[in-house]
Amino acid sequence: MFTNKRVCLLFQLVCCLPALSQNPAHVEMVKVQSRSSARTVPLTAELAPFLQTDIEARSPGYVE
């Protein structure tokens, strides 16, 4: 059991060595700005019906 712990520790050390030898990444920071997230995007389109059917009244005189 002690050997398994030693092997696991050695494995973790070997895996981390390449990451430790590299230079840290450079990250640029910016200040947070608050603004409205709503916007309008004009889209040109044409609406066409998928199906067409006649509408008839169930009771005479209900629909004028």
Protein backbone atom coordinates (compact mmCIF):
# COMPACT_ATOMS: atom_id res chain seq x y z
CA MET A 1 0.00 0.00 0.00
CA PHE A 2 2.86 2.37 0.78
CA THR A 3 4.35 1.64 -2.66
CA ASN A 4 1.06 2.55 -4.37
CA LYS A 5 1.04 5.96 -2.65
CA ARG A 6 4.63 6.53 -3.68
CA VAL A 7 3.86 5.62 -7.30
CA CYS A 8 0.82 7.92 -7.34
CA LEU A 9 2.85 10.80 -5.92
CA LEU A 10 5.63 10.23 -8.46
CA PHE A 11 3.09 10.08 -11.29
CA GLN A 12 1.48 13.37 -10.21
CA LEU A 13 4.87 15.04 -9.95
CA VAL A 14 5.92 13.89 -13.42
CA CYS A 15 2.63 15.09 -14.93
CA CYS A 16 2.91 18.54 -13.34
CA LEU A 17 6.52 19.26 -14.27
CA PRO A 18 5.83 20.48 -17.84
CA ALA A 19 3.15 22.85 -16.57
CA LEU A 20 5.45 24.27 -13.90
CA SER A 21 8.29 24.92 -16.34
CA GLN A 22 6.18 27.06 -18.71
CA ASN A 23 5.76 30.82 -18.36
CA PRO A 24 2.42 31.92 -16.93
CA ALA A 25 -0.15 33.14 -19.46
CA HIS A 26 -0.59 36.89 -19.85
CA VAL A 27 -4.20 37.95 -19.29
CA GLU A 28 -5.40 41.51 -19.91
CA MET A 29 -8.00 42.96 -17.56
CA VAL A 30 -10.74 45.49 -18.33
CA LYS A 31 -13.21 47.38 -16.16
CA VAL A 32 -16.81 46.21 -16.10
CA GLN A 33 -19.24 48.49 -17.91
CA SER A 34 -22.97 48.44 -17.24
CA ARG A 35 -25.32 48.97 -20.18
CA SER A 36 -28.61 47.73 -21.59
CA SER A 37 -28.43 44.40 -23.36
CA ALA A 38 -31.55 45.03 -25.45
CA ARG A 39 -31.08 45.91 -29.10
CA THR A 40 -33.21 45.91 -32.24
CA VAL A 41 -32.03 44.16 -35.36
CA PRO A 42 -34.05 44.89 -38.51
CA LEU A 43 -34.64 41.75 -40.55
CA THR A 44 -36.29 41.92 -43.95
CA ALA A 45 -38.64 39.00 -44.46
CA GLU A 46 -41.91 37.97 -46.02
CA LEU A 47 -44.53 35.99 -44.15
CA ALA A 48 -46.24 33.20 -46.06
CA PRO A 49 -48.91 30.85 -44.68
CA PHE A 50 -48.03 27.20 -44.34
CA LEU A 51 -51.64 26.01 -44.87
CA GLN A 52 -54.81 27.75 -46.01
CA THR A 53 -58.40 26.98 -44.98
CA ASP A 54 -61.81 28.62 -45.16
CA ILE A 55 -63.42 29.88 -41.94
CA GLU A 56 -67.14 29.32 -41.63
CA ALA A 57 -69.47 30.41 -38.82
CA ARG A 58 -71.16 27.66 -36.78
CA SER A 59 -74.21 29.80 -36.15
CA PRO A 60 -75.82 31.90 -38.88
CA GLY A 61 -75.51 35.61 -38.16
CA TYR A 62 -72.73 35.17 -35.56
CA VAL A 63 -69.97 36.42 -37.88
CA GLU A 64 -70.82 39.58 -39.83
